[in-house]
C-alpha atoms as a PDB file:
ATOM      1  CA  MET A   1      39.925  19.960  27.636  1.00  0.00           C
ATOM      2  CA  LYS A   2      42.054  16.823  27.560  1.00  0.00           C
ATOM      3  CA  LYS A   3      39.047  14.692  28.616  1.00  0.00           C
ATOM      4  CA  PHE A   4      36.954  16.265  25.855  1.00  0.00           C
ATOM      5  CA  ILE A   5      39.573  15.473  23.186  1.00  0.00           C
ATOM      6  CA  THR A   6      39.946  11.919  24.528  1.00  0.00           C
ATOM      7  CA  ALA A   7      36.164  11.440  24.360  1.00  0.00           C
ATOM      8  CA  ILE A   8      36.033  12.763  20.782  1.00  0.00           C
ATOM      9  CA  LEU A   9      38.911  10.497  19.707  1.00  0.00           C
ATOM     10  CA  THR A  10      37.246   7.501  21.366  1.00  0.00           C
ATOM     11  CA  VAL A  11      33.985   8.137  19.495  1.00  0.00           C
ATOM     12  CA  LEU A  12      35.834   8.642  16.188  1.00  0.00           C
ATOM     13  CA  THR A  13      37.860   5.449  16.697  1.00  0.00           C
ATOM     14  CA  ALA A  14      34.688   3.471  17.441  1.00  0.00           C
ATOM     15  CA  ALA A  15      33.023   4.883  14.319  1.00  0.00           C
ATOM     16  CA  VAL A  16      36.014   4.033  12.114  1.00  0.00           C
ATOM     17  CA  LEU A  17      36.149   0.481  13.502  1.00  0.00           C
ATOM     18  CA  ALA A  18      32.414   0.019  12.933  1.00  0.00           C
ATOM     19  CA  VAL A  19      32.746   1.108   9.306  1.00  0.00           C
ATOM     20  CA  ALA A  20      35.795  -1.130   8.817  1.00  0.00           C
ATOM     21  CA  PHE A  21      34.022  -4.200  10.223  1.00  0.00           C
ATOM     22  CA  ALA A  22      30.947  -3.495   8.114  1.00  0.00           C
ATOM     23  CA  ALA A  23      33.085  -3.228   4.977  1.00  0.00           C
ATOM     24  CA  CYS A  24      34.855  -6.525   5.718  1.00  0.00           C
ATOM     25  CA  SER A  25      31.768  -8.586   6.402  1.00  0.00           C
ATOM     26  CA  GLY A  26      30.031  -9.385   3.145  1.00  0.00           C
ATOM     27  CA  ASP A  27      26.322  -9.659   2.625  1.00  0.00           C
ATOM     28  CA  TYR A  28      26.255 -12.490   0.136  1.00  0.00           C
ATOM     29  CA  SER A  29      22.565 -13.328   0.424  1.00  0.00           C
ATOM     30  CA  GLY A  30      20.568 -13.049  -2.763  1.00  0.00           C
ATOM     31  CA  THR A  31      20.001 -14.649  -6.136  1.00  0.00           C
ATOM     32  CA  TYR A  32      22.803 -14.868  -8.680  1.00  0.00           C
ATOM     33  CA  LYS A  33      22.323 -15.788 -12.343  1.00  0.00           C
ATOM     34  CA  LEU A  34      24.710 -16.924 -15.056  1.00  0.00           C
ATOM     35  CA  SER A  35      26.825 -14.274 -16.732  1.00  0.00           C
ATOM     36  CA  SER A  36      29.358 -16.581 -18.385  1.00  0.00           C
ATOM     37  CA  LEU A  37      30.747 -20.095 -18.205  1.00  0.00           C
ATOM     38  CA  ARG A  38      34.423 -20.893 -18.710  1.00  0.00           C
ATOM     39  CA  ILE A  39      35.286 -24.488 -19.483  1.00  0.00           C
ATOM     40  CA  ASP A  40      38.925 -25.525 -18.916  1.00  0.00           C
ATOM     41  CA  SER A  41      39.909 -28.937 -20.272  1.00  0.00           C
ATOM     42  CA  ALA A  42      42.744 -31.132 -19.010  1.00  0.00           C
ATOM     43  CA  ASP A  43      44.475 -30.708 -22.397  1.00  0.00           C
ATOM     44  CA  GLY A  44      44.920 -26.992 -21.640  1.00  0.00           C
ATOM     45  CA  SER A  45      42.174 -25.689 -23.907  1.00  0.00           C
ATOM     46  CA  SER A  46      39.673 -23.180 -22.586  1.00  0.00           C
ATOM     47  CA  THR A  47      36.311 -21.948 -23.867  1.00  0.00           C
ATOM     48  CA  THR A  48      34.174 -19.119 -22.493  1.00  0.00           C
ATOM     49  CA  VAL A  49      30.446 -19.085 -23.218  1.00  0.00           C
ATOM     50  CA  PRO A  50      28.422 -15.974 -22.336  1.00  0.00           C
ATOM     51  CA  ALA A  51      24.806 -16.213 -21.177  1.00  0.00           C
ATOM     52  CA  GLY A  52      22.802 -16.357 -24.384  1.00  0.00           C
ATOM     53  CA  GLY A  53      25.529 -18.341 -26.153  1.00  0.00           C
ATOM     54  CA  SER A  54      25.876 -22.024 -26.922  1.00  0.00           C
ATOM     55  CA  TYR A  55      28.578 -24.656 -26.714  1.00  0.00           C
ATOM     56  CA  MET A  56      28.465 -28.221 -28.047  1.00  0.00           C
ATOM     57  CA  ASP A  57      24.814 -27.817 -29.030  1.00  0.00           C
ATOM     58  CA  ILE A  58      23.787 -26.666 -25.553  1.00  0.00           C
ATOM     59  CA  SER A  59      22.298 -23.184 -25.197  1.00  0.00           C
ATOM     60  CA  TYR A  60      23.104 -21.272 -22.020  1.00  0.00           C
ATOM     61  CA  THR A  61      20.782 -18.607 -20.641  1.00  0.00           C
ATOM     62  CA  GLN A  62      20.933 -16.606 -17.415  1.00  0.00           C
ATOM     63  CA  ASP A  63      18.711 -19.289 -15.904  1.00  0.00           C
ATOM     64  CA  SER A  64      21.076 -22.130 -16.819  1.00  0.00           C
ATOM     65  CA  TYR A  65      22.816 -21.606 -13.472  1.00  0.00           C
ATOM     66  CA  VAL A  66      20.961 -19.885 -10.646  1.00  0.00           C
ATOM     67  CA  LEU A  67      22.495 -19.676  -7.159  1.00  0.00           C
ATOM     68  CA  HIS A  68      20.428 -18.674  -4.127  1.00  0.00           C
ATOM     69  CA  MET A  69      22.412 -17.763  -1.015  1.00  0.00           C
ATOM     70  CA  SER A  70      20.671 -17.180   2.313  1.00  0.00           C
ATOM     71  CA  ASP A  71      21.616 -15.231   5.436  1.00  0.00           C
ATOM     72  CA  ASP A  72      21.558 -18.487   7.420  1.00  0.00           C
ATOM     73  CA  ASN A  73      24.619 -19.718   5.436  1.00  0.00           C
ATOM     74  CA  SER A  74      22.593 -22.132   3.313  1.00  0.00           C
ATOM     75  CA  TRP A  75      22.541 -22.180  -0.476  1.00  0.00           C
ATOM     76  CA  TYR A  76      21.001 -24.012  -3.372  1.00  0.00           C
ATOM     77  CA  MET A  77      21.740 -23.943  -7.057  1.00  0.00           C
ATOM     78  CA  THR A  78      19.637 -25.007 -10.012  1.00  0.00           C
ATOM     79  CA  MET A  79      21.306 -26.009 -13.250  1.00  0.00           C
ATOM     80  CA  GLN A  80      19.042 -26.115 -16.266  1.00  0.00           C
ATOM     81  CA  PHE A  81      20.088 -27.322 -19.708  1.00  0.00           C
ATOM     82  CA  GLU A  82      17.530 -27.724 -22.475  1.00  0.00           C
ATOM     83  CA  ASP A  83      14.921 -30.070 -20.910  1.00  0.00           C
ATOM     84  CA  GLU A  84      17.025 -31.285 -17.975  1.00  0.00           C
ATOM     85  CA  THR A  85      17.166 -29.621 -14.546  1.00  0.00           C
ATOM     86  CA  GLU A  86      19.454 -30.527 -11.664  1.00  0.00           C
ATOM     87  CA  SER A  87      19.790 -28.937  -8.273  1.00  0.00           C
ATOM     88  CA  GLU A  88      22.294 -28.957  -5.460  1.00  0.00           C
ATOM     89  CA  TYR A  89      22.257 -27.479  -1.973  1.00  0.00           C
ATOM     90  CA  GLY A  90      24.418 -27.080   1.087  1.00  0.00           C
ATOM     91  CA  THR A  91      26.015 -24.565   3.405  1.00  0.00           C
ATOM     92  CA  TRP A  92      28.559 -21.818   2.869  1.00  0.00           C
ATOM     93  CA  ARG A  93      31.207 -20.126   4.961  1.00  0.00           C
ATOM     94  CA  ASP A  94      33.144 -16.916   4.504  1.00  0.00           C
ATOM     95  CA  GLU A  95      36.904 -17.450   4.379  1.00  0.00           C
ATOM     96  CA  GLY A  96      37.576 -13.711   4.148  1.00  0.00           C
ATOM     97  CA  GLY A  97      39.101 -11.702   1.351  1.00  0.00           C
ATOM     98  CA  GLY A  98      36.239 -12.435  -1.026  1.00  0.00           C
ATOM     99  CA  ASN A  99      36.664 -16.200  -0.719  1.00  0.00           C
ATOM    100  CA  LEU A 100      33.746 -18.443   0.153  1.00  0.00           C
ATOM    101  CA  VAL A 101      33.527 -22.192   0.478  1.00  0.00           C
ATOM    102  CA  LEU A 102      30.289 -23.848  -0.584  1.00  0.00           C
ATOM    103  CA  THR A 103      29.896 -27.288   0.942  1.00  0.00           C
ATOM    104  CA  ASP A 104      27.446 -29.414  -1.037  1.00  0.00           C
ATOM    105  CA  SER A 105      25.093 -32.123   0.198  1.00  0.00           C
ATOM    106  CA  TYR A 106      27.814 -34.760  -0.355  1.00  0.00           C
ATOM    107  CA  GLY A 107      30.321 -32.875   1.799  1.00  0.00           C
ATOM    108  CA  ASP A 108      32.398 -31.722  -1.184  1.00  0.00           C
ATOM    109  CA  GLU A 109      33.747 -28.176  -0.982  1.00  0.00           C
ATOM    110  CA  LEU A 110      33.435 -25.820  -3.936  1.00  0.00           C
ATOM    111  CA  SER A 111      35.876 -22.940  -4.196  1.00  0.00           C
ATOM    112  CA  THR A 112      34.043 -19.659  -4.702  1.00  0.00           C
ATOM    113  CA  THR A 113      35.184 -16.071  -5.071  1.00  0.00           C
ATOM    114  CA  VAL A 114      33.101 -12.919  -4.685  1.00  0.00           C
ATOM    115  CA  ASP A 115      33.863  -9.501  -6.119  1.00  0.00           C
ATOM    116  CA  GLY A 116      31.047  -7.033  -5.502  1.00  0.00           C
ATOM    117  CA  ASP A 117      27.890  -8.527  -7.028  1.00  0.00           C
ATOM    118  CA  THR A 118      29.801 -11.158  -9.026  1.00  0.00           C
ATOM    119  CA  VAL A 119      30.331 -14.729  -7.812  1.00  0.00           C
ATOM    120  CA  VAL A 120      32.549 -17.330  -9.488  1.00  0.00           C
ATOM    121  CA  VAL A 121      31.894 -20.942  -8.486  1.00  0.00           C
ATOM    122  CA  VAL A 122      34.476 -23.556  -9.509  1.00  0.00           C
ATOM    123  CA  LEU A 123      32.907 -26.895 -10.432  1.00  0.00           C
ATOM    124  CA  PRO A 124      35.543 -29.577 -11.021  1.00  0.00           C
ATOM    125  CA  ASP A 125      34.588 -32.600 -13.109  1.00  0.00           C
ATOM    126  CA  ASP A 126      36.626 -35.537 -14.430  1.00  0.00           C
ATOM    127  CA  ASP A 127      38.801 -33.922 -17.132  1.00  0.00           C
ATOM    128  CA  VAL A 128      37.087 -30.522 -17.136  1.00  0.00           C
ATOM    129  CA  THR A 129      36.762 -27.633 -14.704  1.00  0.00           C
ATOM    130  CA  TYR A 130      33.829 -25.237 -15.005  1.00  0.00           C
ATOM    131  CA  PHE A 131      34.118 -21.646 -13.804  1.00  0.00           C
ATOM    132  CA  VAL A 132      30.554 -20.407 -13.452  1.00  0.00           C
ATOM    133  CA  THR A 133      30.394 -16.609 -13.245  1.00  0.00           C
ATOM    134  CA  MET A 134      27.097 -15.301 -11.875  1.00  0.00           C
ATOM    135  CA  VAL A 135      25.818 -11.825 -11.106  1.00  0.00           C
ATOM    136  CA  ARG A 136      23.498 -10.848  -8.268  1.00  0.00           C
ATOM    137  CA  GLN A 137      20.014  -9.967  -9.483  1.00  0.00           C
END
């Protein structure tokens, strides 16, 4: 009887560990589109623009920022404003706890957080920091 209970406990422990590891490892692959853009200025001011809104005569749609993340730890992002389109690409790594690091083609690292199907990419610029919130499609 003792061997039977030990075998049952071993199987249950293995099952619990498998579920725990599956829950901790995120599947981040997919396409994410703009939900909102927060713009923090060096002077302390902050503005949030939802997809469909505009700021400083620029209209932002869901397609203004589109992030594609692949299973092979590569990514690319297109940024489209009015008649201008830019793109960036690189690799990503999982830092755990919902934190990712996107390394761009120049070797710069972009801080990124993930919460469910929502990704926030931090894009620092001279006197402004952009917090791009995107939702998986």
